[in-house]
Amino acid sequence: MASHKATLKDIKKNEKRRTRNRQAVSMIRTMAKKVETLVSQGKKEEAVVALGEVVPVIDHAVNRRILHRNSASRKISRLTLKVNGLS
């Protein structure tokens, strides 16, 4: 275990950041799952609205460096393809 004050402070800060980042990732997964559920049920209008809610959250996670930009782009692209696949 660390003994320097600065190291102990770093450990606390890292834990807070990890918790905050995990919450953000969990929220993104939940919102994406909601979009996929609506797509599987064939509810296009509701899926479009849900997609419109999840995309800014993913973009915000990229700006906060929680997600890599390519990973976020892939998630957005796949969700958009699923929603657009509905007729």
N, C-alpha and C. Protein backbone atom coordinates (compact mmCIF):
# COMPACT_ATOMS: atom_id res chain seq x y z
N MET A 1 0.84 -1.19 0.00
CA MET A 1 0.00 0.00 0.00
C MET A 1 0.88 1.24 0.00
N ALA A 2 0.40 2.26 -0.66
CA ALA A 2 1.16 3.50 -0.77
C ALA A 2 1.22 4.22 0.58
N SER A 3 2.27 4.99 0.74
CA SER A 3 2.41 5.71 2.01
C SER A 3 2.53 7.22 1.84
N HIS A 4 2.81 7.69 0.63
CA HIS A 4 2.92 9.13 0.41
C HIS A 4 1.52 9.75 0.30
N LYS A 5 1.39 10.97 0.80
CA LYS A 5 0.09 11.65 0.75
C LYS A 5 -0.40 11.83 -0.68
N ALA A 6 0.49 12.22 -1.56
CA ALA A 6 0.10 12.46 -2.95
C ALA A 6 -0.37 11.16 -3.61
N THR A 7 0.29 10.06 -3.29
CA THR A 7 -0.10 8.78 -3.88
C THR A 7 -1.46 8.33 -3.35
N LEU A 8 -1.69 8.54 -2.07
CA LEU A 8 -2.99 8.19 -1.48
C LEU A 8 -4.10 9.03 -2.12
N LYS A 9 -3.81 10.30 -2.35
CA LYS A 9 -4.78 11.17 -3.00
C LYS A 9 -5.06 10.70 -4.42
N ASP A 10 -4.01 10.30 -5.14
CA ASP A 10 -4.18 9.79 -6.49
C ASP A 10 -5.07 8.55 -6.51
N ILE A 11 -4.88 7.68 -5.53
CA ILE A 11 -5.69 6.47 -5.45
C ILE A 11 -7.16 6.83 -5.29
N LYS A 12 -7.45 7.80 -4.42
CA LYS A 12 -8.84 8.24 -4.22
C LYS A 12 -9.42 8.85 -5.49
N LYS A 13 -8.63 9.69 -6.15
CA LYS A 13 -9.10 10.33 -7.38
C LYS A 13 -9.37 9.29 -8.46
N ASN A 14 -8.46 8.31 -8.59
CA ASN A 14 -8.65 7.27 -9.60
C ASN A 14 -9.91 6.46 -9.35
N GLU A 15 -10.19 6.18 -8.10
CA GLU A 15 -11.40 5.41 -7.76
C GLU A 15 -12.66 6.21 -8.10
N LYS A 16 -12.65 7.50 -7.81
CA LYS A 16 -13.81 8.34 -8.15
C LYS A 16 -14.02 8.38 -9.67
N ARG A 17 -12.92 8.55 -10.40
CA ARG A 17 -13.02 8.59 -11.85
C ARG A 17 -13.50 7.27 -12.42
N ARG A 18 -12.98 6.17 -11.87
CA ARG A 18 -13.38 4.85 -12.34
C ARG A 18 -14.87 4.64 -12.12
N THR A 19 -15.36 5.04 -10.96
CA THR A 19 -16.78 4.88 -10.66
C THR A 19 -17.63 5.71 -11.61
N ARG A 20 -17.22 6.95 -11.85
CA ARG A 20 -17.97 7.84 -12.73
C ARG A 20 -17.96 7.30 -14.17
N ASN A 21 -16.82 6.81 -14.61
CA ASN A 21 -16.71 6.28 -15.97
C ASN A 21 -17.55 5.01 -16.14
N ARG A 22 -17.54 4.15 -15.12
CA ARG A 22 -18.34 2.93 -15.20
C ARG A 22 -19.83 3.25 -15.25
N GLN A 23 -20.25 4.26 -14.53
CA GLN A 23 -21.65 4.67 -14.57
C GLN A 23 -22.03 5.15 -15.96
N ALA A 24 -21.14 5.92 -16.58
CA ALA A 24 -21.41 6.44 -17.92
C ALA A 24 -21.51 5.30 -18.93
N VAL A 25 -20.59 4.35 -18.86
CA VAL A 25 -20.61 3.22 -19.78
C VAL A 25 -21.85 2.37 -19.57
N SER A 26 -22.23 2.18 -18.32
CA SER A 26 -23.43 1.41 -18.01
C SER A 26 -24.67 2.09 -18.57
N MET A 27 -24.73 3.42 -18.45
CA MET A 27 -25.87 4.17 -18.97
C MET A 27 -25.94 4.04 -20.49
N ILE A 28 -24.80 4.09 -21.15
CA ILE A 28 -24.76 3.95 -22.61
C ILE A 28 -25.26 2.57 -23.01
N ARG A 29 -24.79 1.55 -22.31
CA ARG A 29 -25.23 0.18 -22.63
C ARG A 29 -26.74 0.04 -22.45
N THR A 30 -27.27 0.60 -21.37
CA THR A 30 -28.71 0.51 -21.10
C THR A 30 -29.51 1.21 -22.19
N MET A 31 -29.06 2.41 -22.57
CA MET A 31 -29.78 3.15 -23.60
C MET A 31 -29.70 2.44 -24.95
N ALA A 32 -28.55 1.86 -25.26
CA ALA A 32 -28.40 1.14 -26.53
C ALA A 32 -29.28 -0.11 -26.53
N LYS A 33 -29.37 -0.77 -25.40
CA LYS A 33 -30.21 -1.95 -25.30
C LYS A 33 -31.68 -1.58 -25.49
N LYS A 34 -32.06 -0.40 -25.00
CA LYS A 34 -33.43 0.07 -25.19
C LYS A 34 -33.73 0.26 -26.67
N VAL A 35 -32.78 0.84 -27.40
CA VAL A 35 -32.96 1.03 -28.84
C VAL A 35 -33.10 -0.32 -29.53
N GLU A 36 -32.24 -1.26 -29.18
CA GLU A 36 -32.29 -2.58 -29.81
C GLU A 36 -33.59 -3.31 -29.49
N THR A 37 -34.10 -3.14 -28.29
CA THR A 37 -35.37 -3.75 -27.90
C THR A 37 -36.51 -3.18 -28.73
N LEU A 38 -36.51 -1.86 -28.88
CA LEU A 38 -37.56 -1.22 -29.69
C LEU A 38 -37.48 -1.65 -31.14
N VAL A 39 -36.27 -1.84 -31.65
CA VAL A 39 -36.10 -2.29 -33.03
C VAL A 39 -36.64 -3.71 -33.18
N SER A 40 -36.34 -4.57 -32.20
CA SER A 40 -36.81 -5.95 -32.29
C SER A 40 -38.33 -6.04 -32.18
N GLN A 41 -38.93 -5.06 -31.51
CA GLN A 41 -40.39 -5.03 -31.40
C GLN A 41 -41.04 -4.35 -32.60
N GLY A 42 -40.22 -3.74 -33.47
CA GLY A 42 -40.73 -3.11 -34.67
C GLY A 42 -41.31 -1.73 -34.45
N LYS A 43 -40.95 -1.08 -33.36
CA LYS A 43 -41.46 0.26 -33.05
C LYS A 43 -40.47 1.31 -33.56
N LYS A 44 -40.62 1.65 -34.84
CA LYS A 44 -39.63 2.53 -35.48
C LYS A 44 -39.63 3.93 -34.90
N GLU A 45 -40.80 4.54 -34.70
CA GLU A 45 -40.85 5.92 -34.21
C GLU A 45 -40.18 6.04 -32.85
N GLU A 46 -40.49 5.10 -31.96
CA GLU A 46 -39.90 5.14 -30.62
C GLU A 46 -38.41 4.84 -30.67
N ALA A 47 -38.00 3.97 -31.58
CA ALA A 47 -36.58 3.65 -31.73
C ALA A 47 -35.80 4.85 -32.24
N VAL A 48 -36.40 5.63 -33.14
CA VAL A 48 -35.74 6.83 -33.65
C VAL A 48 -35.55 7.84 -32.53
N VAL A 49 -36.56 7.99 -31.69
CA VAL A 49 -36.46 8.92 -30.55
C VAL A 49 -35.39 8.44 -29.58
N ALA A 50 -35.38 7.16 -29.28
CA ALA A 50 -34.39 6.60 -28.35
C ALA A 50 -32.97 6.73 -28.93
N LEU A 51 -32.83 6.54 -30.24
CA LEU A 51 -31.53 6.71 -30.88
C LEU A 51 -31.07 8.15 -30.77
N GLY A 52 -32.00 9.08 -30.93
CA GLY A 52 -31.67 10.50 -30.79
C GLY A 52 -31.23 10.86 -29.39
N GLU A 53 -31.62 10.07 -28.40
CA GLU A 53 -31.21 10.32 -27.03
C GLU A 53 -29.84 9.70 -26.73
N VAL A 54 -29.55 8.55 -27.32
CA VAL A 54 -28.31 7.84 -26.99
C VAL A 54 -27.10 8.42 -27.72
N VAL A 55 -27.27 8.96 -28.91
CA VAL A 55 -26.13 9.46 -29.69
C VAL A 55 -25.41 10.61 -28.98
N PRO A 56 -26.12 11.62 -28.45
CA PRO A 56 -25.39 12.68 -27.74
C PRO A 56 -24.68 12.18 -26.48
N VAL A 57 -25.24 11.17 -25.84
CA VAL A 57 -24.60 10.62 -24.64
C VAL A 57 -23.29 9.93 -25.02
N ILE A 58 -23.31 9.20 -26.13
CA ILE A 58 -22.09 8.55 -26.61
C ILE A 58 -21.05 9.60 -27.01
N ASP A 59 -21.50 10.64 -27.71
CA ASP A 59 -20.57 11.70 -28.11
C ASP A 59 -19.96 12.40 -26.89
N HIS A 60 -20.76 12.61 -25.87
CA HIS A 60 -20.26 13.23 -24.65
C HIS A 60 -19.22 12.34 -23.97
N ALA A 61 -19.43 11.04 -24.02
CA ALA A 61 -18.46 10.11 -23.44
C ALA A 61 -17.13 10.17 -24.20
N VAL A 62 -17.20 10.40 -25.50
CA VAL A 62 -15.97 10.54 -26.28
C VAL A 62 -15.24 11.82 -25.86
N ASN A 63 -15.98 12.89 -25.70
CA ASN A 63 -15.36 14.16 -25.29
C ASN A 63 -14.73 14.06 -23.91
N ARG A 64 -15.29 13.23 -23.06
CA ARG A 64 -14.74 13.04 -21.71
C ARG A 64 -13.70 11.93 -21.69
N ARG A 65 -13.41 11.36 -22.85
CA ARG A 65 -12.41 10.30 -23.03
C ARG A 65 -12.75 9.03 -22.25
N ILE A 66 -14.03 8.75 -22.17
CA ILE A 66 -14.47 7.49 -21.56
C ILE A 66 -14.48 6.41 -22.63
N LEU A 67 -14.90 6.78 -23.83
CA LEU A 67 -14.90 5.87 -24.97
C LEU A 67 -13.94 6.39 -26.04
N HIS A 68 -13.36 5.47 -26.78
CA HIS A 68 -12.54 5.86 -27.92
C HIS A 68 -13.47 6.31 -29.04
N ARG A 69 -13.01 7.27 -29.83
CA ARG A 69 -13.89 7.81 -30.86
C ARG A 69 -14.29 6.78 -31.89
N ASN A 70 -13.41 5.85 -32.23
CA ASN A 70 -13.76 4.81 -33.21
C ASN A 70 -14.77 3.84 -32.64
N SER A 71 -14.63 3.52 -31.37
CA SER A 71 -15.59 2.63 -30.71
C SER A 71 -16.97 3.28 -30.66
N ALA A 72 -16.99 4.56 -30.33
CA ALA A 72 -18.26 5.29 -30.27
C ALA A 72 -18.89 5.38 -31.65
N SER A 73 -18.08 5.64 -32.65
CA SER A 73 -18.58 5.74 -34.01
C SER A 73 -19.18 4.40 -34.45
N ARG A 74 -18.53 3.32 -34.09
CA ARG A 74 -19.02 1.99 -34.44
C ARG A 74 -20.36 1.72 -33.76
N LYS A 75 -20.48 2.07 -32.48
CA LYS A 75 -21.73 1.86 -31.76
C LYS A 75 -22.87 2.65 -32.40
N ILE A 76 -22.60 3.93 -32.68
CA ILE A 76 -23.62 4.78 -33.29
C ILE A 76 -24.02 4.25 -34.66
N SER A 77 -23.04 3.83 -35.44
CA SER A 77 -23.31 3.32 -36.78
C SER A 77 -24.18 2.07 -36.73
N ARG A 78 -23.84 1.15 -35.85
CA ARG A 78 -24.60 -0.10 -35.77
C ARG A 78 -26.03 0.13 -35.31
N LEU A 79 -26.19 1.03 -34.32
CA LEU A 79 -27.55 1.32 -33.86
C LEU A 79 -28.35 2.00 -34.96
N THR A 80 -27.72 2.92 -35.68
CA THR A 80 -28.41 3.63 -36.76
C THR A 80 -28.82 2.66 -37.86
N LEU A 81 -27.95 1.74 -38.22
CA LEU A 81 -28.29 0.74 -39.24
C LEU A 81 -29.48 -0.11 -38.82
N LYS A 82 -29.52 -0.48 -37.55
CA LYS A 82 -30.64 -1.28 -37.06
C LYS A 82 -31.95 -0.50 -37.13
N VAL A 83 -31.91 0.76 -36.72
CA VAL A 83 -33.12 1.57 -36.75
C VAL A 83 -33.55 1.83 -38.19
N ASN A 84 -32.60 2.13 -39.06
CA ASN A 84 -32.94 2.40 -40.46
C ASN A 84 -33.39 1.14 -41.20
N GLY A 85 -33.07 -0.02 -40.67
CA GLY A 85 -33.46 -1.28 -41.28
C GLY A 85 -34.94 -1.57 -41.13
N LEU A 86 -35.59 -0.87 -40.18
CA LEU A 86 -37.03 -1.04 -40.02
C LEU A 86 -37.75 -0.34 -41.15
N SER A 87 -38.89 -0.90 -41.54
CA SER A 87 -39.64 -0.26 -42.62
C SER A 87 -40.93 0.32 -42.12
